[in-house]
Full PDB file with SEQRES, HELIX, SHEET, SSBOND, CRYST1, ORIGX, SCALE, CONECT and MASTER records, all heavy atoms in Angstrom:
SEQRES   1 A   41  LEU ARG ASP VAL VAL ARG SER ILE TYR PRO PRO ILE LEU          
SEQRES   2 A   41  SER ASP ARG GLY LEU ASP GLY ALA VAL THR ALA LEU ALA          
SEQRES   3 A   41  ALA ARG CYS PRO ILE PRO CYS VAL LEU ALA ILE SER PRO          
SEQRES   4 A   41  ILE GLY                                                      
HELIX    1 AA1 ARG A    2  ILE A    8  1                                   7    
HELIX    2 AA2 PRO A   11  ARG A   28  1                                  18    
CRYST1    1.000    1.000    1.000  90.00  90.00  90.00 P 1           1          
ORIGX1      1.000000  0.000000  0.000000        0.00000                         
ORIGX2      0.000000  1.000000  0.000000        0.00000                         
ORIGX3      0.000000  0.000000  1.000000        0.00000                         
SCALE1      1.000000  0.000000  0.000000        0.00000                         
SCALE2      0.000000  1.000000  0.000000        0.00000                         
SCALE3      0.000000  0.000000  1.000000        0.00000                         
ATOM      1  N   LEU A   1      -4.817  12.596  -0.374  1.00  0.00           N  
ATOM      2  CA  LEU A   1      -5.561  11.691   0.507  1.00  0.00           C  
ATOM      3  C   LEU A   1      -6.767  11.106  -0.217  1.00  0.00           C  
ATOM      4  O   LEU A   1      -7.082   9.919  -0.080  1.00  0.00           O  
ATOM      5  CB  LEU A   1      -5.996  12.453   1.756  1.00  0.00           C  
ATOM      6  CG  LEU A   1      -6.693  11.619   2.852  1.00  0.00           C  
ATOM      7  CD1 LEU A   1      -5.788  10.497   3.328  1.00  0.00           C  
ATOM      8  CD2 LEU A   1      -7.107  12.510   4.009  1.00  0.00           C  
ATOM      9  N   ARG A   2      -7.454  11.930  -1.018  1.00  0.00           N  
ATOM     10  CA  ARG A   2      -8.583  11.418  -1.807  1.00  0.00           C  
ATOM     11  C   ARG A   2      -8.118  10.379  -2.825  1.00  0.00           C  
ATOM     12  O   ARG A   2      -8.803   9.389  -3.069  1.00  0.00           O  
ATOM     13  CB  ARG A   2      -9.271  12.586  -2.507  1.00  0.00           C  
ATOM     14  CG  ARG A   2     -10.101  13.458  -1.584  1.00  0.00           C  
ATOM     15  CD  ARG A   2     -10.621  14.668  -2.323  1.00  0.00           C  
ATOM     16  NE  ARG A   2     -11.498  15.478  -1.474  1.00  0.00           N  
ATOM     17  CZ  ARG A   2     -11.934  16.687  -1.790  1.00  0.00           C  
ATOM     18  NH1 ARG A   2     -11.548  17.256  -2.949  1.00  0.00           N  
ATOM     19  NH2 ARG A   2     -12.734  17.355  -0.973  1.00  0.00           N  
ATOM     20  N   ASP A   3      -6.945  10.625  -3.433  1.00  0.00           N  
ATOM     21  CA  ASP A   3      -6.410   9.647  -4.386  1.00  0.00           C  
ATOM     22  C   ASP A   3      -6.127   8.310  -3.705  1.00  0.00           C  
ATOM     23  O   ASP A   3      -6.374   7.245  -4.285  1.00  0.00           O  
ATOM     24  CB  ASP A   3      -5.128  10.192  -5.027  1.00  0.00           C  
ATOM     25  CG  ASP A   3      -5.398  11.356  -5.967  1.00  0.00           C  
ATOM     26  OD1 ASP A   3      -6.562  11.478  -6.411  1.00  0.00           O  
ATOM     27  OD2 ASP A   3      -4.463  12.137  -6.228  1.00  0.00           O  
ATOM     28  N   VAL A   4      -5.590   8.364  -2.500  1.00  0.00           N  
ATOM     29  CA  VAL A   4      -5.330   7.125  -1.770  1.00  0.00           C  
ATOM     30  C   VAL A   4      -6.627   6.389  -1.480  1.00  0.00           C  
ATOM     31  O   VAL A   4      -6.731   5.160  -1.631  1.00  0.00           O  
ATOM     32  CB  VAL A   4      -4.556   7.413  -0.465  1.00  0.00           C  
ATOM     33  CG1 VAL A   4      -4.449   6.160   0.397  1.00  0.00           C  
ATOM     34  CG2 VAL A   4      -3.174   7.957  -0.778  1.00  0.00           C  
ATOM     35  N   VAL A   5      -7.650   7.124  -1.063  1.00  0.00           N  
ATOM     36  CA  VAL A   5      -8.952   6.513  -0.785  1.00  0.00           C  
ATOM     37  C   VAL A   5      -9.523   5.891  -2.051  1.00  0.00           C  
ATOM     38  O   VAL A   5     -10.067   4.779  -2.041  1.00  0.00           O  
ATOM     39  CB  VAL A   5      -9.922   7.557  -0.195  1.00  0.00           C  
ATOM     40  CG1 VAL A   5     -11.324   6.988  -0.084  1.00  0.00           C  
ATOM     41  CG2 VAL A   5      -9.428   8.013   1.167  1.00  0.00           C  
ATOM     42  N   ARG A   6      -9.401   6.614  -3.172  1.00  0.00           N  
ATOM     43  CA  ARG A   6      -9.909   6.057  -4.432  1.00  0.00           C  
ATOM     44  C   ARG A   6      -9.158   4.795  -4.828  1.00  0.00           C  
ATOM     45  O   ARG A   6      -9.720   3.890  -5.452  1.00  0.00           O  
ATOM     46  CB  ARG A   6      -9.782   7.101  -5.547  1.00  0.00           C  
ATOM     47  CG  ARG A   6     -10.758   8.260  -5.440  1.00  0.00           C  
ATOM     48  CD  ARG A   6     -10.765   9.083  -6.718  1.00  0.00           C  
ATOM     49  NE  ARG A   6     -11.630  10.236  -6.598  1.00  0.00           N  
ATOM     50  CZ  ARG A   6     -11.209  11.452  -6.282  1.00  0.00           C  
ATOM     51  NH1 ARG A   6      -9.916  11.661  -6.059  1.00  0.00           N  
ATOM     52  NH2 ARG A   6     -12.061  12.455  -6.180  1.00  0.00           N  
ATOM     53  N   SER A   7      -7.861   4.726  -4.503  1.00  0.00           N  
ATOM     54  CA  SER A   7      -7.094   3.528  -4.852  1.00  0.00           C  
ATOM     55  C   SER A   7      -7.511   2.315  -4.022  1.00  0.00           C  
ATOM     56  O   SER A   7      -7.240   1.182  -4.410  1.00  0.00           O  
ATOM     57  CB  SER A   7      -5.598   3.796  -4.649  1.00  0.00           C  
ATOM     58  OG  SER A   7      -5.287   3.920  -3.270  1.00  0.00           O  
ATOM     59  N   ILE A   8      -8.146   2.561  -2.875  1.00  0.00           N  
ATOM     60  CA  ILE A   8      -8.647   1.445  -2.069  1.00  0.00           C  
ATOM     61  C   ILE A   8      -9.982   0.967  -2.625  1.00  0.00           C  
ATOM     62  O   ILE A   8     -10.183  -0.234  -2.847  1.00  0.00           O  
ATOM     63  CB  ILE A   8      -8.791   1.878  -0.600  1.00  0.00           C  
ATOM     64  CG1 ILE A   8      -7.428   2.294  -0.034  1.00  0.00           C  
ATOM     65  CG2 ILE A   8      -9.388   0.756   0.237  1.00  0.00           C  
ATOM     66  CD1 ILE A   8      -7.487   2.894   1.342  1.00  0.00           C  
ATOM     67  N   TYR A   9     -10.919   1.847  -2.853  1.00  0.00           N  
ATOM     68  CA  TYR A   9     -12.200   1.512  -3.474  1.00  0.00           C  
ATOM     69  C   TYR A   9     -12.713   2.752  -4.184  1.00  0.00           C  
ATOM     70  O   TYR A   9     -13.166   3.698  -3.545  1.00  0.00           O  
ATOM     71  CB  TYR A   9     -13.225   1.040  -2.438  1.00  0.00           C  
ATOM     72  CG  TYR A   9     -14.501   0.538  -3.091  1.00  0.00           C  
ATOM     73  CD1 TYR A   9     -14.569  -0.740  -3.621  1.00  0.00           C  
ATOM     74  CD2 TYR A   9     -15.611   1.366  -3.204  1.00  0.00           C  
ATOM     75  CE1 TYR A   9     -15.726  -1.199  -4.224  1.00  0.00           C  
ATOM     76  CE2 TYR A   9     -16.764   0.921  -3.811  1.00  0.00           C  
ATOM     77  CZ  TYR A   9     -16.813  -0.369  -4.320  1.00  0.00           C  
ATOM     78  OH  TYR A   9     -17.957  -0.817  -4.926  1.00  0.00           O  
ATOM     79  N   PRO A  10     -12.618   2.800  -5.497  1.00  0.00           N  
ATOM     80  CA  PRO A  10     -13.011   4.003  -6.240  1.00  0.00           C  
ATOM     81  C   PRO A  10     -14.486   4.340  -6.008  1.00  0.00           C  
ATOM     82  O   PRO A  10     -15.345   3.465  -6.164  1.00  0.00           O  
ATOM     83  CB  PRO A  10     -12.749   3.618  -7.702  1.00  0.00           C  
ATOM     84  CG  PRO A  10     -11.764   2.496  -7.630  1.00  0.00           C  
ATOM     85  CD  PRO A  10     -12.085   1.757  -6.371  1.00  0.00           C  
ATOM     86  N   PRO A  11     -14.807   5.557  -5.654  1.00  0.00           N  
ATOM     87  CA  PRO A  11     -16.219   5.930  -5.446  1.00  0.00           C  
ATOM     88  C   PRO A  11     -17.074   5.727  -6.687  1.00  0.00           C  
ATOM     89  O   PRO A  11     -18.286   5.511  -6.568  1.00  0.00           O  
ATOM     90  CB  PRO A  11     -16.131   7.414  -5.066  1.00  0.00           C  
ATOM     91  CG  PRO A  11     -14.741   7.607  -4.544  1.00  0.00           C  
ATOM     92  CD  PRO A  11     -13.885   6.665  -5.331  1.00  0.00           C  
ATOM     93  N   ILE A  12     -16.449   5.774  -7.886  1.00  0.00           N  
ATOM     94  CA  ILE A  12     -17.235   5.619  -9.113  1.00  0.00           C  
ATOM     95  C   ILE A  12     -17.887   4.243  -9.188  1.00  0.00           C  
ATOM     96  O   ILE A  12     -18.939   4.070  -9.801  1.00  0.00           O  
ATOM     97  CB  ILE A  12     -16.348   5.878 -10.355  1.00  0.00           C  
ATOM     98  CG1 ILE A  12     -17.215   6.027 -11.602  1.00  0.00           C  
ATOM     99  CG2 ILE A  12     -15.315   4.763 -10.535  1.00  0.00           C  
ATOM    100  CD1 ILE A  12     -16.445   6.474 -12.817  1.00  0.00           C  
ATOM    101  N   LEU A  13     -17.283   3.245  -8.514  1.00  0.00           N  
ATOM    102  CA  LEU A  13     -17.902   1.926  -8.486  1.00  0.00           C  
ATOM    103  C   LEU A  13     -19.215   1.957  -7.727  1.00  0.00           C  
ATOM    104  O   LEU A  13     -20.186   1.303  -8.117  1.00  0.00           O  
ATOM    105  CB  LEU A  13     -16.947   0.905  -7.855  1.00  0.00           C  
ATOM    106  CG  LEU A  13     -15.746   0.477  -8.704  1.00  0.00           C  
ATOM    107  CD1 LEU A  13     -14.817  -0.425  -7.895  1.00  0.00           C  
ATOM    108  CD2 LEU A  13     -16.201  -0.255  -9.960  1.00  0.00           C  
ATOM    109  N   SER A  14     -19.256   2.707  -6.634  1.00  0.00           N  
ATOM    110  CA  SER A  14     -20.504   2.831  -5.878  1.00  0.00           C  
ATOM    111  C   SER A  14     -21.547   3.624  -6.656  1.00  0.00           C  
ATOM    112  O   SER A  14     -22.743   3.317  -6.607  1.00  0.00           O  
ATOM    113  CB  SER A  14     -20.241   3.507  -4.531  1.00  0.00           C  
ATOM    114  OG  SER A  14     -19.334   2.755  -3.762  1.00  0.00           O  
ATOM    115  N   ASP A  15     -21.087   4.625  -7.397  1.00  0.00           N  
ATOM    116  CA  ASP A  15     -22.029   5.502  -8.095  1.00  0.00           C  
ATOM    117  C   ASP A  15     -22.557   4.882  -9.384  1.00  0.00           C  
ATOM    118  O   ASP A  15     -23.761   4.958  -9.660  1.00  0.00           O  
ATOM    119  CB  ASP A  15     -21.353   6.839  -8.411  1.00  0.00           C  
ATOM    120  CG  ASP A  15     -20.912   7.575  -7.154  1.00  0.00           C  
ATOM    121  OD1 ASP A  15     -21.486   7.296  -6.086  1.00  0.00           O  
ATOM    122  OD2 ASP A  15     -19.984   8.398  -7.241  1.00  0.00           O  
ATOM    123  N   ARG A  16     -21.662   4.265 -10.186  1.00  0.00           N  
ATOM    124  CA  ARG A  16     -22.050   3.841 -11.533  1.00  0.00           C  
ATOM    125  C   ARG A  16     -21.944   2.347 -11.772  1.00  0.00           C  
ATOM    126  O   ARG A  16     -22.298   1.866 -12.857  1.00  0.00           O  
ATOM    127  CB  ARG A  16     -21.189   4.584 -12.566  1.00  0.00           C  
ATOM    128  CG  ARG A  16     -21.374   6.103 -12.506  1.00  0.00           C  
ATOM    129  CD  ARG A  16     -20.404   6.831 -13.412  1.00  0.00           C  
ATOM    130  NE  ARG A  16     -20.509   6.406 -14.799  1.00  0.00           N  
ATOM    131  CZ  ARG A  16     -19.759   6.892 -15.789  1.00  0.00           C  
ATOM    132  NH1 ARG A  16     -18.862   7.851 -15.513  1.00  0.00           N  
ATOM    133  NH2 ARG A  16     -19.895   6.465 -17.017  1.00  0.00           N  
ATOM    134  N   GLY A  17     -21.444   1.604 -10.816  1.00  0.00           N  
ATOM    135  CA  GLY A  17     -21.284   0.169 -11.024  1.00  0.00           C  
ATOM    136  C   GLY A  17     -20.047  -0.133 -11.849  1.00  0.00           C  
ATOM    137  O   GLY A  17     -19.357   0.768 -12.359  1.00  0.00           O  
ATOM    138  N   LEU A  18     -19.752  -1.425 -12.016  1.00  0.00           N  
ATOM    139  CA  LEU A  18     -18.524  -1.828 -12.699  1.00  0.00           C  
ATOM    140  C   LEU A  18     -18.542  -1.444 -14.172  1.00  0.00           C  
ATOM    141  O   LEU A  18     -17.539  -0.940 -14.704  1.00  0.00           O  
ATOM    142  CB  LEU A  18     -18.316  -3.335 -12.545  1.00  0.00           C  
ATOM    143  CG  LEU A  18     -17.063  -3.917 -13.198  1.00  0.00           C  
ATOM    144  CD1 LEU A  18     -15.807  -3.241 -12.673  1.00  0.00           C  
ATOM    145  CD2 LEU A  18     -16.993  -5.428 -12.973  1.00  0.00           C  
ATOM    146  N   ASP A  19     -19.661  -1.652 -14.854  1.00  0.00           N  
ATOM    147  CA  ASP A  19     -19.686  -1.341 -16.287  1.00  0.00           C  
ATOM    148  C   ASP A  19     -19.530   0.165 -16.522  1.00  0.00           C  
ATOM    149  O   ASP A  19     -18.809   0.585 -17.438  1.00  0.00           O  
ATOM    150  CB  ASP A  19     -20.971  -1.865 -16.939  1.00  0.00           C  
ATOM    151  CG  ASP A  19     -22.204  -1.569 -16.110  1.00  0.00           C  
ATOM    152  OD1 ASP A  19     -22.062  -0.951 -15.033  1.00  0.00           O  
ATOM    153  OD2 ASP A  19     -23.309  -1.962 -16.524  1.00  0.00           O  
ATOM    154  N   GLY A  20     -20.162   0.984 -15.676  1.00  0.00           N  
ATOM    155  CA  GLY A  20     -19.987   2.431 -15.826  1.00  0.00           C  
ATOM    156  C   GLY A  20     -18.574   2.879 -15.488  1.00  0.00           C  
ATOM    157  O   GLY A  20     -18.017   3.763 -16.156  1.00  0.00           O  
ATOM    158  N   ALA A  21     -17.962   2.263 -14.464  1.00  0.00           N  
ATOM    159  CA  ALA A  21     -16.587   2.623 -14.094  1.00  0.00           C  
ATOM    160  C   ALA A  21     -15.612   2.238 -15.200  1.00  0.00           C  
ATOM    161  O   ALA A  21     -14.672   2.990 -15.497  1.00  0.00           O  
ATOM    162  CB  ALA A  21     -16.213   1.923 -12.788  1.00  0.00           C  
ATOM    163  N   VAL A  22     -15.815   1.077 -15.828  1.00  0.00           N  
ATOM    164  CA  VAL A  22     -14.934   0.656 -16.917  1.00  0.00           C  
ATOM    165  C   VAL A  22     -15.104   1.583 -18.117  1.00  0.00           C  
ATOM    166  O   VAL A  22     -14.131   1.913 -18.808  1.00  0.00           O  
ATOM    167  CB  VAL A  22     -15.216  -0.815 -17.294  1.00  0.00           C  
ATOM    168  CG1 VAL A  22     -14.466  -1.208 -18.564  1.00  0.00           C  
ATOM    169  CG2 VAL A  22     -14.829  -1.737 -16.147  1.00  0.00           C  
ATOM    170  N   THR A  23     -16.327   2.022 -18.381  1.00  0.00           N  
ATOM    171  CA  THR A  23     -16.551   2.985 -19.466  1.00  0.00           C  
ATOM    172  C   THR A  23     -15.778   4.275 -19.219  1.00  0.00           C  
ATOM    173  O   THR A  23     -15.168   4.853 -20.131  1.00  0.00           O  
ATOM    174  CB  THR A  23     -18.050   3.281 -19.606  1.00  0.00           C  
ATOM    175  OG1 THR A  23     -18.753   2.057 -19.843  1.00  0.00           O  
ATOM    176  CG2 THR A  23     -18.310   4.247 -20.749  1.00  0.00           C  
ATOM    177  N   ALA A  24     -15.762   4.734 -17.960  1.00  0.00           N  
ATOM    178  CA  ALA A  24     -15.001   5.934 -17.628  1.00  0.00           C  
ATOM    179  C   ALA A  24     -13.501   5.706 -17.772  1.00  0.00           C  
ATOM    180  O   ALA A  24     -12.771   6.591 -18.246  1.00  0.00           O  
ATOM    181  CB  ALA A  24     -15.338   6.371 -16.200  1.00  0.00           C  
ATOM    182  N   LEU A  25     -13.030   4.514 -17.379  1.00  0.00           N  
ATOM    183  CA  LEU A  25     -11.610   4.188 -17.565  1.00  0.00           C  
ATOM    184  C   LEU A  25     -11.224   4.245 -19.034  1.00  0.00           C  
ATOM    185  O   LEU A  25     -10.188   4.800 -19.408  1.00  0.00           O  
ATOM    186  CB  LEU A  25     -11.315   2.784 -17.011  1.00  0.00           C  
ATOM    187  CG  LEU A  25     -10.934   2.634 -15.558  1.00  0.00           C  
ATOM    188  CD1 LEU A  25     -10.728   1.161 -15.231  1.00  0.00           C  
ATOM    189  CD2 LEU A  25      -9.679   3.413 -15.242  1.00  0.00           C  
ATOM    190  N   ALA A  26     -12.058   3.638 -19.877  1.00  0.00           N  
ATOM    191  CA  ALA A  26     -11.751   3.612 -21.308  1.00  0.00           C  
ATOM    192  C   ALA A  26     -11.752   5.017 -21.899  1.00  0.00           C  
ATOM    193  O   ALA A  26     -10.956   5.339 -22.790  1.00  0.00           O  
ATOM    194  CB  ALA A  26     -12.764   2.731 -22.033  1.00  0.00           C  
ATOM    195  N   ALA A  27     -12.638   5.868 -21.391  1.00  0.00           N  
ATOM    196  CA  ALA A  27     -12.694   7.245 -21.913  1.00  0.00           C  
ATOM    197  C   ALA A  27     -11.427   8.014 -21.583  1.00  0.00           C  
ATOM    198  O   ALA A  27     -11.017   8.904 -22.338  1.00  0.00           O  
ATOM    199  CB  ALA A  27     -13.921   7.954 -21.344  1.00  0.00           C  
ATOM    200  N   ARG A  28     -10.780   7.702 -20.453  1.00  0.00           N  
ATOM    201  CA  ARG A  28      -9.561   8.408 -20.069  1.00  0.00           C  
ATOM    202  C   ARG A  28      -8.302   7.786 -20.651  1.00  0.00           C  
ATOM    203  O   ARG A  28      -7.224   8.357 -20.539  1.00  0.00           O  
ATOM    204  CB  ARG A  28      -9.433   8.423 -18.536  1.00  0.00           C  
ATOM    205  CG  ARG A  28     -10.511   9.212 -17.828  1.00  0.00           C  
ATOM    206  CD  ARG A  28     -10.118   9.512 -16.393  1.00  0.00           C  
ATOM    207  NE  ARG A  28      -9.854   8.313 -15.638  1.00  0.00           N  
ATOM    208  CZ  ARG A  28     -10.762   7.657 -14.904  1.00  0.00           C  
ATOM    209  NH1 ARG A  28     -12.016   8.116 -14.858  1.00  0.00           N  
ATOM    210  NH2 ARG A  28     -10.452   6.584 -14.227  1.00  0.00           N  
ATOM    211  N   CYS A  29      -8.422   6.611 -21.273  1.00  0.00           N  
ATOM    212  CA  CYS A  29      -7.240   5.921 -21.798  1.00  0.00           C  
ATOM    213  C   CYS A  29      -6.691   6.675 -23.027  1.00  0.00           C  
ATOM    214  O   CYS A  29      -7.462   7.043 -23.923  1.00  0.00           O  
ATOM    215  CB  CYS A  29      -7.598   4.486 -22.168  1.00  0.00           C  
ATOM    216  SG  CYS A  29      -6.193   3.523 -22.782  1.00  0.00           S  
ATOM    217  N   PRO A  30      -5.382   6.888 -23.111  1.00  0.00           N  
ATOM    218  CA  PRO A  30      -4.820   7.580 -24.285  1.00  0.00           C  
ATOM    219  C   PRO A  30      -4.997   6.805 -25.583  1.00  0.00           C  
ATOM    220  O   PRO A  30      -5.004   7.404 -26.664  1.00  0.00           O  
ATOM    221  CB  PRO A  30      -3.328   7.722 -23.925  1.00  0.00           C  
ATOM    222  CG  PRO A  30      -3.260   7.575 -22.439  1.00  0.00           C  
ATOM    223  CD  PRO A  30      -4.356   6.638 -22.077  1.00  0.00           C  
ATOM    224  N   ILE A  31      -5.101   5.485 -25.497  1.00  0.00           N  
ATOM    225  CA  ILE A  31      -5.298   4.663 -26.694  1.00  0.00           C  
ATOM    226  C   ILE A  31      -6.793   4.521 -26.946  1.00  0.00           C  
ATOM    227  O   ILE A  31      -7.558   4.262 -26.010  1.00  0.00           O  
ATOM    228  CB  ILE A  31      -4.661   3.272 -26.502  1.00  0.00           C  
ATOM    229  CG1 ILE A  31      -3.184   3.400 -26.154  1.00  0.00           C  
ATOM    230  CG2 ILE A  31      -4.828   2.415 -27.751  1.00  0.00           C  
ATOM    231  CD1 ILE A  31      -2.518   2.076 -25.828  1.00  0.00           C  
ATOM    232  N   PRO A  32      -7.249   4.672 -28.184  1.00  0.00           N  
ATOM    233  CA  PRO A  32      -8.677   4.475 -28.466  1.00  0.00           C  
ATOM    234  C   PRO A  32      -9.140   3.081 -28.023  1.00  0.00           C  
ATOM    235  O   PRO A  32      -8.503   2.078 -28.344  1.00  0.00           O  
ATOM    236  CB  PRO A  32      -8.766   4.643 -29.980  1.00  0.00           C  
ATOM    237  CG  PRO A  32      -7.582   5.477 -30.339  1.00  0.00           C  
ATOM    238  CD  PRO A  32      -6.499   5.091 -29.384  1.00  0.00           C  
ATOM    239  N   CYS A  33     -10.253   3.049 -27.291  1.00  0.00           N  
ATOM    240  CA  CYS A  33     -10.763   1.794 -26.739  1.00  0.00           C  
ATOM    241  C   CYS A  33     -12.087   1.428 -27.399  1.00  0.00           C  
ATOM    242  O   CYS A  33     -12.961   2.287 -27.583  1.00  0.00           O  
ATOM    243  CB  CYS A  33     -10.970   1.900 -25.233  1.00  0.00           C  
ATOM    244  SG  CYS A  33      -9.451   1.986 -24.279  1.00  0.00           S  
ATOM    245  N   VAL A  34     -12.218   0.145 -27.729  1.00  0.00           N  
ATOM    246  CA  VAL A  34     -13.474  -0.406 -28.207  1.00  0.00           C  
ATOM    247  C   VAL A  34     -14.060  -1.232 -27.071  1.00  0.00           C  
ATOM    248  O   VAL A  34     -13.412  -2.151 -26.565  1.00  0.00           O  
ATOM    249  CB  VAL A  34     -13.258  -1.287 -29.458  1.00  0.00           C  
ATOM    250  CG1 VAL A  34     -14.578  -1.891 -29.903  1.00  0.00           C  
ATOM    251  CG2 VAL A  34     -12.633  -0.472 -30.577  1.00  0.00           C  
ATOM    252  N   LEU A  35     -15.266  -0.906 -26.649  1.00  0.00           N  
ATOM    253  CA  LEU A  35     -15.883  -1.572 -25.506  1.00  0.00           C  
ATOM    254  C   LEU A  35     -16.891  -2.614 -25.972  1.00  0.00           C  
ATOM    255  O   LEU A  35     -17.673  -2.371 -26.903  1.00  0.00           O  
ATOM    256  CB  LEU A  35     -16.582  -0.555 -24.607  1.00  0.00           C  
ATOM    257  CG  LEU A  35     -15.684   0.496 -23.939  1.00  0.00           C  
ATOM    258  CD1 LEU A  35     -16.529   1.445 -23.104  1.00  0.00           C  
ATOM    259  CD2 LEU A  35     -14.630  -0.173 -23.079  1.00  0.00           C  
ATOM    260  N   ALA A  36     -16.831  -3.781 -25.345  1.00  0.00           N  
ATOM    261  CA  ALA A  36     -17.824  -4.839 -25.569  1.00  0.00           C  
ATOM    262  C   ALA A  36     -18.298  -5.280 -24.195  1.00  0.00           C  
ATOM    263  O   ALA A  36     -17.866  -6.303 -23.658  1.00  0.00           O  
ATOM    264  CB  ALA A  36     -17.220  -6.001 -26.354  1.00  0.00           C  
ATOM    265  N   ILE A  37     -19.180  -4.476 -23.613  1.00  0.00           N  
ATOM    266  CA  ILE A  37     -19.621  -4.684 -22.239  1.00  0.00           C  
ATOM    267  C   ILE A  37     -21.100  -5.051 -22.249  1.00  0.00           C  
ATOM    268  O   ILE A  37     -21.932  -4.310 -22.785  1.00  0.00           O  
ATOM    269  CB  ILE A  37     -19.402  -3.420 -21.387  1.00  0.00           C  
ATOM    270  CG1 ILE A  37     -17.920  -3.035 -21.383  1.00  0.00           C  
ATOM    271  CG2 ILE A  37     -19.900  -3.630 -19.968  1.00  0.00           C  
ATOM    272  CD1 ILE A  37     -17.623  -1.760 -20.624  1.00  0.00           C  
ATOM    273  N   SER A  38     -21.411  -6.187 -21.677  1.00  0.00           N  
ATOM    274  CA  SER A  38     -22.804  -6.579 -21.507  1.00  0.00           C  
ATOM    275  C   SER A  38     -23.260  -6.192 -20.107  1.00  0.00           C  
ATOM    276  O   SER A  38     -22.446  -6.160 -19.182  1.00  0.00           O  
ATOM    277  CB  SER A  38     -22.963  -8.087 -21.718  1.00  0.00           C  
ATOM    278  OG  SER A  38     -22.168  -8.805 -20.787  1.00  0.00           O  
ATOM    279  N   PRO A  39     -24.536  -5.863 -19.925  1.00  0.00           N  
ATOM    280  CA  PRO A  39     -25.011  -5.493 -18.585  1.00  0.00           C  
ATOM    281  C   PRO A  39     -24.770  -6.636 -17.589  1.00  0.00           C  
ATOM    282  O   PRO A  39     -25.211  -7.767 -17.810  1.00  0.00           O  
ATOM    283  CB  PRO A  39     -26.510  -5.247 -18.803  1.00  0.00           C  
ATOM    284  CG  PRO A  39     -26.653  -4.965 -20.266  1.00  0.00           C  
ATOM    285  CD  PRO A  39     -25.607  -5.798 -20.935  1.00  0.00           C  
ATOM    286  N   ILE A  40     -24.045  -6.337 -16.542  1.00  0.00           N  
ATOM    287  CA  ILE A  40     -23.691  -7.404 -15.596  1.00  0.00           C  
ATOM    288  C   ILE A  40     -24.289  -7.175 -14.214  1.00  0.00           C  
ATOM    289  O   ILE A  40     -24.150  -8.033 -13.337  1.00  0.00           O  
ATOM    290  CB  ILE A  40     -22.159  -7.544 -15.467  1.00  0.00           C  
ATOM    291  CG1 ILE A  40     -21.545  -6.260 -14.910  1.00  0.00           C  
ATOM    292  CG2 ILE A  40     -21.534  -7.905 -16.797  1.00  0.00           C  
ATOM    293  CD1 ILE A  40     -20.068  -6.388 -14.637  1.00  0.00           C  
ATOM    294  N   GLY A  41     -24.966  -6.040 -14.021  1.00  0.00           N  
ATOM    295  CA  GLY A  41     -25.560  -5.794 -12.713  1.00  0.00           C  
ATOM    296  C   GLY A  41     -24.502  -5.547 -11.646  1.00  0.00           C  
ATOM    297  O   GLY A  41     -23.308  -5.462 -11.919  1.00  0.00           O  
TER     298      GLY A  41                                                      
MASTER        0    0    0    2    0    0    0    6  297    1    0    4          
END                                                                             
């Protein structure tokens, strides 16, 4: 049920914003990720 809720709106977006959530996504990706993220508010 928590997974379904996260698929609607991930709580990490509320906690860390889009740039922080994308950083977490890249950290979990099996392929090494290079991030070029500018602060977007």
